[in-house]
N, C-alpha and C. Protein backbone atom coordinates (compact mmCIF):
# COMPACT_ATOMS: atom_id res chain seq x y z
N MET A 1 -58.74 10.08 11.93
CA MET A 1 -57.90 9.32 11.30
C MET A 1 -58.34 8.91 9.89
N LYS A 2 -57.37 8.91 9.11
CA LYS A 2 -57.52 8.54 7.58
C LYS A 2 -57.08 7.14 7.47
N THR A 3 -57.81 6.28 6.76
CA THR A 3 -57.19 4.78 6.49
C THR A 3 -57.39 4.69 5.26
N ASN A 4 -56.86 4.02 4.68
CA ASN A 4 -57.10 3.66 3.24
C ASN A 4 -57.09 2.15 2.83
N PHE A 5 -58.11 1.66 2.66
CA PHE A 5 -58.22 0.29 2.51
C PHE A 5 -58.15 -0.12 0.94
N LYS A 6 -57.55 -1.14 0.77
CA LYS A 6 -57.21 -1.41 -0.63
C LYS A 6 -57.97 -2.90 -0.84
N THR A 7 -58.52 -3.07 -2.02
CA THR A 7 -59.29 -4.39 -2.19
C THR A 7 -58.45 -5.24 -2.23
N GLU A 8 -58.43 -6.49 -2.36
CA GLU A 8 -57.53 -8.00 -2.64
C GLU A 8 -57.48 -8.09 -4.10
N THR A 9 -58.49 -7.30 -4.93
CA THR A 9 -58.08 -7.40 -6.44
C THR A 9 -57.24 -6.39 -6.99
N GLY A 10 -57.03 -5.22 -6.24
CA GLY A 10 -56.01 -4.59 -6.40
C GLY A 10 -54.61 -4.85 -5.90
N ILE A 11 -54.50 -5.38 -4.92
CA ILE A 11 -53.20 -5.81 -4.32
C ILE A 11 -52.93 -6.68 -5.30
N ASN A 12 -53.49 -7.93 -5.64
CA ASN A 12 -53.14 -9.07 -6.65
C ASN A 12 -52.77 -8.56 -7.87
N ILE A 13 -53.54 -7.07 -8.40
CA ILE A 13 -53.05 -6.65 -9.74
C ILE A 13 -51.46 -6.21 -9.91
N GLN A 14 -51.27 -5.63 -8.22
CA GLN A 14 -50.09 -5.04 -8.22
C GLN A 14 -48.89 -6.16 -8.22
N LYS A 15 -49.21 -7.13 -7.73
CA LYS A 15 -48.24 -8.12 -7.61
C LYS A 15 -48.12 -8.99 -8.92
N THR A 16 -49.27 -8.93 -9.56
CA THR A 16 -48.94 -9.51 -10.98
C THR A 16 -48.03 -8.50 -11.61
N ILE A 17 -48.21 -7.13 -11.75
CA ILE A 17 -47.93 -6.36 -12.67
C ILE A 17 -46.27 -6.38 -12.21
N SER A 18 -45.80 -6.32 -10.96
CA SER A 18 -44.66 -6.57 -10.38
C SER A 18 -43.74 -7.84 -10.77
N LYS A 19 -44.45 -9.08 -10.74
CA LYS A 19 -43.57 -10.05 -11.30
C LYS A 19 -43.51 -10.03 -12.76
N SER A 20 -44.54 -9.51 -13.49
CA SER A 20 -44.25 -9.35 -15.08
C SER A 20 -43.25 -8.89 -15.19
N LEU A 21 -43.12 -7.44 -14.84
CA LEU A 21 -41.85 -6.49 -15.01
C LEU A 21 -40.76 -7.26 -14.91
N ALA A 22 -40.50 -7.85 -13.57
CA ALA A 22 -39.34 -8.59 -13.17
C ALA A 22 -39.10 -9.63 -14.23
N VAL A 23 -39.71 -10.35 -14.71
CA VAL A 23 -39.67 -11.44 -16.01
C VAL A 23 -39.15 -10.77 -17.15
N VAL A 24 -39.85 -9.68 -17.52
CA VAL A 24 -39.69 -9.25 -18.76
C VAL A 24 -38.25 -8.46 -18.78
N THR A 25 -37.88 -7.95 -17.34
CA THR A 25 -36.39 -7.20 -17.59
C THR A 25 -35.40 -8.28 -17.60
N SER A 26 -35.52 -9.43 -16.71
CA SER A 26 -34.77 -10.46 -17.02
C SER A 26 -34.33 -11.03 -18.08
N ILE A 27 -35.65 -11.10 -18.89
CA ILE A 27 -35.53 -11.73 -20.28
C ILE A 27 -34.71 -10.69 -21.39
N ALA A 28 -35.03 -9.43 -20.94
CA ALA A 28 -34.23 -8.26 -21.62
C ALA A 28 -32.84 -8.38 -21.32
N LEU A 29 -32.39 -8.30 -20.37
CA LEU A 29 -31.18 -8.49 -19.65
C LEU A 29 -30.36 -9.66 -20.41
N ILE A 30 -30.87 -10.91 -20.55
CA ILE A 30 -30.12 -12.16 -20.92
C ILE A 30 -30.15 -12.02 -22.40
N SER A 31 -31.22 -11.46 -23.27
CA SER A 31 -31.08 -11.46 -24.46
C SER A 31 -30.11 -10.42 -24.84
N ILE A 32 -29.74 -9.41 -24.11
CA ILE A 32 -28.73 -8.46 -24.22
C ILE A 32 -27.31 -8.81 -24.08
N SER A 33 -27.29 -9.91 -22.76
CA SER A 33 -25.98 -10.65 -22.94
C SER A 33 -25.50 -11.59 -24.14
N LEU A 34 -26.75 -12.22 -24.23
CA LEU A 34 -26.21 -12.86 -25.27
C LEU A 34 -26.02 -12.35 -26.61
N ASN A 35 -26.51 -11.26 -27.11
CA ASN A 35 -26.29 -10.78 -28.37
C ASN A 35 -24.70 -10.11 -28.07
N ALA A 36 -24.29 -9.70 -26.95
CA ALA A 36 -23.25 -9.05 -26.79
C ALA A 36 -21.75 -10.05 -26.76
N GLN A 37 -22.18 -11.43 -27.03
CA GLN A 37 -21.03 -12.21 -27.10
C GLN A 37 -21.04 -12.37 -28.79
N ASP A 38 -21.52 -11.90 -29.57
CA ASP A 38 -21.43 -11.71 -30.68
C ASP A 38 -20.41 -10.27 -31.27
N LEU A 39 -20.51 -9.53 -30.38
CA LEU A 39 -19.79 -8.00 -30.64
C LEU A 39 -18.53 -7.94 -30.62
N ASP A 40 -18.02 -9.17 -30.30
CA ASP A 40 -16.41 -9.16 -29.38
C ASP A 40 -15.37 -8.46 -30.19
N TYR A 41 -15.49 -8.47 -31.60
CA TYR A 41 -14.39 -7.72 -32.51
C TYR A 41 -14.79 -6.66 -32.99
N SER A 42 -16.33 -6.95 -33.71
CA SER A 42 -16.64 -5.85 -34.71
C SER A 42 -16.83 -4.34 -33.71
N LEU A 43 -17.36 -4.39 -32.59
CA LEU A 43 -17.56 -3.32 -31.75
C LEU A 43 -16.29 -2.68 -31.39
N PHE A 44 -15.34 -3.46 -31.00
CA PHE A 44 -13.78 -2.70 -30.56
C PHE A 44 -12.95 -2.18 -31.93
N GLU A 45 -13.26 -2.67 -32.91
CA GLU A 45 -12.98 -2.05 -34.28
C GLU A 45 -13.07 -0.82 -34.71
N LYS A 46 -14.35 -0.29 -34.08
CA LYS A 46 -14.92 0.96 -34.07
C LYS A 46 -14.40 1.88 -33.18
N ILE A 47 -13.65 1.39 -32.09
CA ILE A 47 -13.19 2.44 -31.19
C ILE A 47 -11.60 2.43 -30.97
N SER A 48 -11.11 2.46 -32.16
CA SER A 48 -9.59 2.75 -32.36
C SER A 48 -8.74 1.77 -32.12
N PHE A 49 -9.09 0.88 -32.09
CA PHE A 49 -8.24 -0.12 -31.61
C PHE A 49 -7.51 -0.76 -32.92
N ASN A 50 -8.00 -0.55 -33.96
CA ASN A 50 -7.55 -0.56 -35.59
C ASN A 50 -6.14 0.04 -35.73
N LYS A 51 -5.88 1.04 -34.88
CA LYS A 51 -4.54 1.54 -34.88
C LYS A 51 -3.29 0.54 -34.73
N ASN A 52 -3.55 -0.18 -33.58
CA ASN A 52 -2.59 -1.01 -33.22
C ASN A 52 -3.26 -2.84 -33.40
N PRO A 53 -2.90 -3.14 -34.69
CA PRO A 53 -3.20 -4.50 -34.92
C PRO A 53 -2.77 -5.40 -33.94
N LEU A 54 -2.09 -5.34 -33.16
CA LEU A 54 -1.58 -6.39 -31.87
C LEU A 54 -2.48 -6.21 -30.61
N ALA A 55 -3.09 -4.80 -30.81
CA ALA A 55 -3.95 -4.66 -29.52
C ALA A 55 -5.11 -5.70 -29.20
N MET A 56 -5.62 -6.14 -30.21
CA MET A 56 -6.55 -7.00 -30.00
C MET A 56 -6.70 -8.08 -31.29
N ILE A 57 -6.49 -9.64 -30.61
CA ILE A 57 -6.17 -10.53 -31.79
C ILE A 57 -7.66 -11.30 -31.78
N HIS A 58 -8.08 -11.59 -33.19
CA HIS A 58 -9.54 -12.19 -33.09
C HIS A 58 -9.23 -13.67 -32.85
N THR A 59 -9.52 -14.39 -32.16
CA THR A 59 -9.55 -15.84 -32.42
C THR A 59 -11.08 -16.34 -32.52
N SER A 60 -11.05 -17.57 -32.90
CA SER A 60 -12.54 -18.26 -32.98
C SER A 60 -12.52 -19.34 -31.82
N THR A 61 -13.59 -19.10 -31.24
CA THR A 61 -13.76 -19.89 -29.98
C THR A 61 -14.43 -21.29 -30.41
N LYS A 62 -14.98 -21.34 -31.47
CA LYS A 62 -15.81 -22.59 -31.97
C LYS A 62 -14.58 -23.61 -32.38
N THR A 63 -14.49 -24.76 -31.90
CA THR A 63 -13.55 -25.84 -32.48
C THR A 63 -14.18 -27.26 -32.16
N SER A 64 -13.81 -27.98 -33.00
CA SER A 64 -14.72 -29.50 -32.71
C SER A 64 -13.73 -29.96 -31.70
N LEU A 65 -14.51 -30.99 -30.94
CA LEU A 65 -14.03 -32.23 -29.97
C LEU A 65 -12.61 -32.95 -30.58
N GLU A 66 -12.56 -33.30 -31.80
CA GLU A 66 -11.48 -33.97 -32.21
C GLU A 66 -10.43 -33.23 -32.15
N SER A 67 -10.22 -31.86 -32.84
CA SER A 67 -9.21 -31.01 -32.73
C SER A 67 -8.78 -30.70 -31.57
N THR A 68 -9.53 -30.37 -30.63
CA THR A 68 -9.37 -29.91 -29.38
C THR A 68 -8.47 -30.67 -28.35
N THR A 69 -9.19 -32.41 -28.68
CA THR A 69 -8.20 -33.33 -28.10
C THR A 69 -6.60 -33.46 -28.71
N VAL A 70 -6.77 -33.65 -29.90
CA VAL A 70 -5.55 -33.86 -30.50
C VAL A 70 -4.55 -32.55 -30.26
N ASN A 71 -5.27 -31.34 -29.99
CA ASN A 71 -4.05 -30.09 -29.74
C ASN A 71 -3.64 -30.30 -28.17
N ALA A 72 -4.66 -30.91 -27.28
CA ALA A 72 -4.12 -31.00 -25.79
C ALA A 72 -3.11 -32.16 -25.69
N LEU A 73 -3.11 -33.36 -26.59
CA LEU A 73 -2.26 -34.27 -26.61
C LEU A 73 -0.91 -33.74 -27.12
N ALA A 74 -1.04 -32.92 -28.24
CA ALA A 74 0.40 -32.64 -28.75
C ALA A 74 1.19 -31.72 -27.84
N ALA A 75 0.23 -30.75 -26.89
CA ALA A 75 0.57 -30.06 -25.74
C ALA A 75 1.47 -30.65 -24.95
N LEU A 76 0.82 -31.75 -24.77
CA LEU A 76 1.51 -32.69 -23.60
C LEU A 76 2.90 -33.47 -23.94
N THR A 77 3.07 -33.78 -25.10
CA THR A 77 4.00 -34.39 -25.81
C THR A 77 5.06 -33.68 -26.33
N GLU A 78 4.70 -32.49 -26.29
CA GLU A 78 6.01 -31.39 -27.26
C GLU A 78 6.95 -31.12 -25.56
N THR A 79 8.21 -30.99 -26.58
CA THR A 79 9.18 -30.67 -25.43
C THR A 79 9.55 -29.43 -25.61
N GLU A 80 9.76 -28.67 -24.65
CA GLU A 80 9.91 -27.33 -24.59
C GLU A 80 11.13 -26.90 -24.49
N THR A 81 11.44 -25.87 -25.32
CA THR A 81 12.98 -25.45 -25.32
C THR A 81 13.27 -24.17 -25.20
N GLU A 82 14.61 -23.59 -24.61
CA GLU A 82 14.59 -22.03 -24.56
C GLU A 82 15.94 -21.92 -25.36
N ASP A 83 15.93 -20.64 -25.67
CA ASP A 83 17.06 -20.13 -26.44
C ASP A 83 17.90 -19.93 -25.15
N ALA A 84 19.36 -19.81 -25.73
CA ALA A 84 20.59 -19.82 -24.69
C ALA A 84 20.73 -18.43 -24.55
N LEU A 85 20.76 -18.24 -23.42
CA LEU A 85 20.96 -16.47 -22.74
C LEU A 85 22.64 -16.02 -23.39
N GLN A 86 22.31 -14.95 -23.73
CA GLN A 86 23.79 -14.45 -24.11
C GLN A 86 24.56 -13.67 -23.23
N LEU A 87 25.61 -13.69 -23.15
CA LEU A 87 26.55 -13.07 -21.74
C LEU A 87 26.83 -11.56 -22.16
N GLU A 88 26.58 -10.57 -21.65
CA GLU A 88 26.84 -9.39 -21.98
C GLU A 88 27.75 -8.48 -21.45
N ASP A 89 28.59 -7.69 -21.83
CA ASP A 89 29.76 -7.17 -20.90
C ASP A 89 29.42 -6.61 -19.99
N TRP A 90 28.32 -5.87 -19.43
CA TRP A 90 28.00 -5.44 -18.36
C TRP A 90 27.76 -6.34 -17.22
N MET A 91 27.42 -7.59 -17.68
CA MET A 91 27.17 -8.79 -16.85
C MET A 91 28.81 -9.34 -16.29
N MET A 92 29.81 -9.11 -16.79
CA MET A 92 30.88 -9.57 -16.42
C MET A 92 31.99 -8.41 -15.69
N ASN A 93 31.05 -7.27 -15.58
CA ASN A 93 31.81 -5.94 -15.11
C ASN A 93 31.66 -5.97 -13.51
N GLU A 94 32.80 -6.47 -12.92
CA GLU A 94 32.57 -6.53 -11.41
C GLU A 94 32.18 -5.43 -10.61
N ASN A 95 32.36 -4.16 -11.12
CA ASN A 95 32.00 -2.79 -10.38
C ASN A 95 30.34 -2.73 -10.32
N ASN A 96 29.83 -3.46 -11.12
CA ASN A 96 28.27 -3.32 -10.93
C ASN A 96 27.92 -4.25 -9.89
N PHE A 97 28.21 -5.34 -9.23
CA PHE A 97 27.92 -5.72 -8.41
C PHE A 97 28.94 -6.08 -7.07
N SER A 98 29.50 -4.82 -6.97
CA SER A 98 30.36 -4.74 -5.69
C SER A 98 29.40 -3.93 -4.64
N THR A 99 29.51 -3.99 -3.56
CA THR A 99 28.85 -3.30 -2.55
C THR A 99 29.54 -2.40 -2.24
N ASN A 100 30.78 -2.22 -2.17
CA ASN A 100 31.78 -1.12 -1.58
C ASN A 100 31.41 0.35 -1.98
N ALA A 101 30.44 0.38 -3.01
CA ALA A 101 30.35 1.89 -3.47
C ALA A 101 28.79 2.04 -2.35
N LEU A 102 28.05 1.39 -2.11
CA LEU A 102 27.24 1.41 -1.52
C LEU A 102 27.27 1.79 -0.27
N VAL A 103 28.09 1.49 0.72
CA VAL A 103 28.33 1.38 2.36
C VAL A 103 29.15 3.01 2.39
N GLU A 104 28.64 3.64 3.32
CA GLU A 104 29.56 4.75 3.43
C GLU A 104 29.71 4.77 4.85
N THR A 105 30.96 5.20 5.12
CA THR A 105 31.38 4.93 6.77
C THR A 105 30.87 6.56 7.22
N GLU A 106 30.32 6.12 8.28
CA GLU A 106 29.50 7.23 8.92
C GLU A 106 30.30 7.93 10.19
N THR A 107 30.34 9.22 10.02
CA THR A 107 31.49 10.20 11.08
C THR A 107 30.63 10.92 11.54
N GLU A 108 30.66 10.86 13.32
CA GLU A 108 29.78 11.90 13.90
C GLU A 108 30.71 12.74 14.62
N SER A 109 30.35 14.22 14.60
CA SER A 109 30.94 15.16 15.50
C SER A 109 30.93 15.07 16.93
N PRO A 110 31.70 15.27 17.87
CA PRO A 110 31.61 15.03 19.40
C PRO A 110 30.77 16.04 19.64
N MET A 111 29.94 15.48 20.55
CA MET A 111 28.86 16.37 21.34
C MET A 111 29.66 17.68 22.19
N GLU A 112 29.09 18.68 21.98
CA GLU A 112 29.55 19.98 22.89
C GLU A 112 28.53 19.98 23.89
N LEU A 113 29.37 20.66 25.07
CA LEU A 113 28.74 20.78 26.31
C LEU A 113 28.46 22.41 25.89
N GLU A 114 26.76 22.84 26.39
CA GLU A 114 26.43 24.32 26.20
C GLU A 114 26.19 24.70 27.57
N SER A 115 26.19 26.11 27.54
CA SER A 115 25.95 26.80 28.75
C SER A 115 25.00 26.60 29.55
N TRP A 116 23.64 26.53 29.08
CA TRP A 116 22.49 26.11 29.81
C TRP A 116 22.55 24.69 30.48
N MET A 117 23.39 23.67 29.94
CA MET A 117 23.34 22.60 30.64
C MET A 117 24.32 22.55 31.46
N THR A 118 25.15 23.42 32.20
CA THR A 118 25.89 23.65 33.37
C THR A 118 25.35 24.58 34.19
N ASP A 119 24.20 25.08 33.83
CA ASP A 119 23.39 26.13 34.77
C ASP A 119 22.84 25.28 36.03
N GLU A 120 23.27 25.86 37.28
CA GLU A 120 22.81 24.95 38.22
C GLU A 120 21.06 25.76 38.60
N ASP A 121 21.05 26.85 38.13
CA ASP A 121 19.35 27.43 38.66
C ASP A 121 18.49 26.80 37.55
N LEU A 122 18.79 26.04 36.58
CA LEU A 122 17.76 25.49 35.70
C LEU A 122 17.34 23.98 36.42
N PHE A 123 18.45 23.44 37.16
CA PHE A 123 18.39 22.22 37.67
C PHE A 123 18.38 22.00 39.14
N SER A 124 17.07 22.45 39.78
CA SER A 124 17.26 22.22 41.19
C SER A 124 17.33 20.95 41.45
N THR A 125 17.95 20.52 42.67
CA THR A 125 17.95 19.65 43.50
C THR A 125 17.01 19.22 44.45
N GLN A 126 16.71 20.36 44.66
CA GLN A 126 15.34 20.45 46.38
C GLN A 126 13.82 19.73 45.74
N LEU A 127 13.59 18.92 46.67
CA LEU A 127 12.49 18.13 46.53
C LEU A 127 11.24 18.89 46.91
N THR A 128 10.34 19.10 46.09
CA THR A 128 9.18 20.03 46.56
C THR A 128 8.30 19.15 47.35
N VAL A 129 7.86 19.34 48.69
CA VAL A 129 6.69 18.44 49.26
C VAL A 129 5.37 19.07 48.92
N ASP A 130 4.37 18.19 48.76
CA ASP A 130 3.05 18.71 48.58
C ASP A 130 2.44 19.27 49.74
N GLN A 131 1.67 19.92 49.77
CA GLN A 131 0.96 20.50 51.21
C GLN A 131 -0.24 19.50 51.37
N PRO A 132 -0.48 19.41 52.45
CA PRO A 132 -1.68 18.30 52.86
C PRO A 132 -2.86 19.13 52.29
N LEU A 133 -3.58 18.28 52.04
CA LEU A 133 -5.15 18.36 51.32
C LEU A 133 -5.85 18.71 52.42
N GLU A 134 -6.85 19.92 52.14
CA GLU A 134 -7.72 20.02 53.35
C GLU A 134 -9.10 19.64 53.12
N LEU A 135 -9.52 19.50 54.31
CA LEU A 135 -11.35 18.98 54.29
C LEU A 135 -12.03 20.24 54.08
N GLU A 136 -13.14 20.25 53.06
CA GLU A 136 -14.05 21.39 53.01
C GLU A 136 -15.08 20.86 53.44
N ASN A 137 -15.90 22.29 53.72
CA ASN A 137 -17.28 21.97 54.17
C ASN A 137 -18.20 21.26 53.02
N TRP A 138 -18.13 21.18 52.24
CA TRP A 138 -19.10 20.42 51.03
C TRP A 138 -18.88 19.18 50.87
N MET A 139 -17.74 18.95 51.41
CA MET A 139 -17.52 17.21 51.37
C MET A 139 -17.88 16.58 52.30
N ILE A 140 -18.04 17.14 53.30
CA ILE A 140 -18.79 16.48 54.16
C ILE A 140 -20.27 16.77 54.74
N SER A 141 -20.77 17.51 53.75
CA SER A 141 -22.33 18.01 53.63
C SER A 141 -23.54 16.71 53.57
N GLU A 142 -24.36 16.60 54.48
CA GLU A 142 -25.29 15.45 54.25
C GLU A 142 -25.90 15.91 53.17
N VAL A 143 -26.30 17.31 52.95
CA VAL A 143 -27.37 17.69 51.77
C VAL A 143 -26.91 17.12 50.34
N ILE A 144 -25.38 17.45 50.02
CA ILE A 144 -25.17 16.85 49.02
C ILE A 144 -24.98 15.40 49.12
N TRP A 145 -24.40 14.76 49.86
CA TRP A 145 -24.29 13.38 49.60
C TRP A 145 -25.61 12.21 50.24
N LYS A 146 -26.58 12.56 49.49
CA LYS A 146 -27.78 11.65 50.07
C LYS A 146 -28.11 10.53 49.22
């Protein structure tokens, strides 16, 4: 039997290396995500979004506290109005809203009696009686049922 003994210092070195790699990886991921926040529009300009200017609208998220509270107050006090709806010709046409065109009367042809339905040989009315079951030797053998 072959056994491998590791020293305590070797185990401590492995733990230290794995912990330091975890810390370095997490710092790298955090820095990448923080740098990605500044790439919002400049990165997408290079990926053919510039063909349609309405595809992405660049807005600044940096606002002062005063302007934010003023905008929120103005939004609460603003009266919203909608444009009046225009009545169009198709809306006045009664045929567009009639259900008579959607309902069809269903007609069925009468059922026909076929020749096999009246053939008495196919439908016997005699009841068949099951034959009684027989007792076989293996069923009562002491050797099988121990």
